[in-house]
């Protein structure tokens, strides 16, 4: 398999849609910008960005798309 899979496809997704990993990577700049406003250290921003993305990836299987 050529793509990293973080979770099974969501029920509302259609075949050929982007993978969850690709969609998650799209929000990295937004997460980094927000964290940069909260903490000024670039290394802290990198660490926190990674932690946020890990938690999001872990929560994907429980996401029901009702929000």
Protein backbone atom coordinates (compact mmCIF):
# COMPACT_ATOMS: atom_id res chain seq x y z
CA UNK A 1 0.00 0.00 0.00
CA UNK A 2 1.53 3.30 -1.05
CA UNK A 3 -0.40 5.57 1.33
CA UNK A 4 -0.16 5.77 5.10
CA UNK A 5 -3.55 4.88 6.49
CA UNK A 6 -4.51 6.40 9.83
CA UNK A 7 -8.02 5.04 10.11
CA UNK A 8 -10.66 3.28 8.05
CA UNK A 9 -12.46 5.52 5.59
CA UNK A 10 -15.29 7.53 7.03
CA UNK A 11 -18.77 6.29 6.06
CA UNK A 12 -19.56 9.52 4.17
CA UNK A 13 -16.42 9.30 2.03
CA UNK A 14 -16.53 8.10 -1.56
CA UNK A 15 -14.03 5.77 -3.24
CA UNK A 16 -11.12 7.67 -4.77
CA UNK A 17 -11.33 10.37 -2.10
CA UNK A 18 -8.13 11.49 -0.39
CA UNK A 19 -6.80 9.29 2.38
CA UNK A 20 -7.20 10.39 5.97
CA UNK A 21 -3.44 10.94 6.17
CA UNK A 22 -3.53 13.34 3.21
CA UNK A 23 -6.40 15.27 4.75
CA UNK A 24 -4.60 15.42 8.09
CA UNK A 25 -1.46 16.79 6.44
CA UNK A 26 -3.49 19.60 4.91
CA UNK A 27 -4.13 21.10 8.37
CA UNK A 28 -0.48 21.11 9.47
CA UNK A 29 0.09 24.78 8.51
CA UNK A 30 -3.02 25.84 10.43
CA UNK A 31 -2.00 23.88 13.52
CA UNK A 32 1.54 25.28 13.36
CA UNK A 33 0.28 28.87 12.98
CA UNK A 34 -2.02 28.52 15.97
CA UNK A 35 0.67 26.96 18.12
CA UNK A 36 3.15 29.64 17.08
CA UNK A 37 0.79 32.23 18.54
CA UNK A 38 0.63 30.31 21.82
CA UNK A 39 4.32 29.48 22.25
CA UNK A 40 7.24 31.33 20.72
CA UNK A 41 9.88 28.61 20.66
CA UNK A 42 10.15 26.97 17.21
CA UNK A 43 11.19 23.65 18.75
CA UNK A 44 8.15 23.75 21.05
CA UNK A 45 5.92 24.49 18.05
CA UNK A 46 7.37 21.47 16.23
CA UNK A 47 6.91 19.18 19.24
CA UNK A 48 3.38 20.36 19.96
CA UNK A 49 2.37 20.11 16.30
CA UNK A 50 3.49 16.51 16.31
CA UNK A 51 1.60 15.78 19.54
CA UNK A 52 -1.59 17.38 18.22
CA UNK A 53 -1.44 15.42 14.96
CA UNK A 54 -0.82 12.15 16.82
CA UNK A 55 -3.87 12.76 19.01
CA UNK A 56 -6.01 13.65 16.00
CA UNK A 57 -4.87 10.49 14.20
CA UNK A 58 -5.73 8.40 17.24
CA UNK A 59 -9.18 9.97 17.49
CA UNK A 60 -10.09 9.49 13.79
CA UNK A 61 -11.59 6.01 14.27
CA UNK A 62 -14.02 7.47 16.84
CA UNK A 63 -15.00 10.49 14.75
CA UNK A 64 -18.59 10.18 13.58
CA UNK A 65 -18.77 13.23 11.32
CA UNK A 66 -21.74 14.71 13.16
CA UNK A 67 -19.98 17.86 14.34
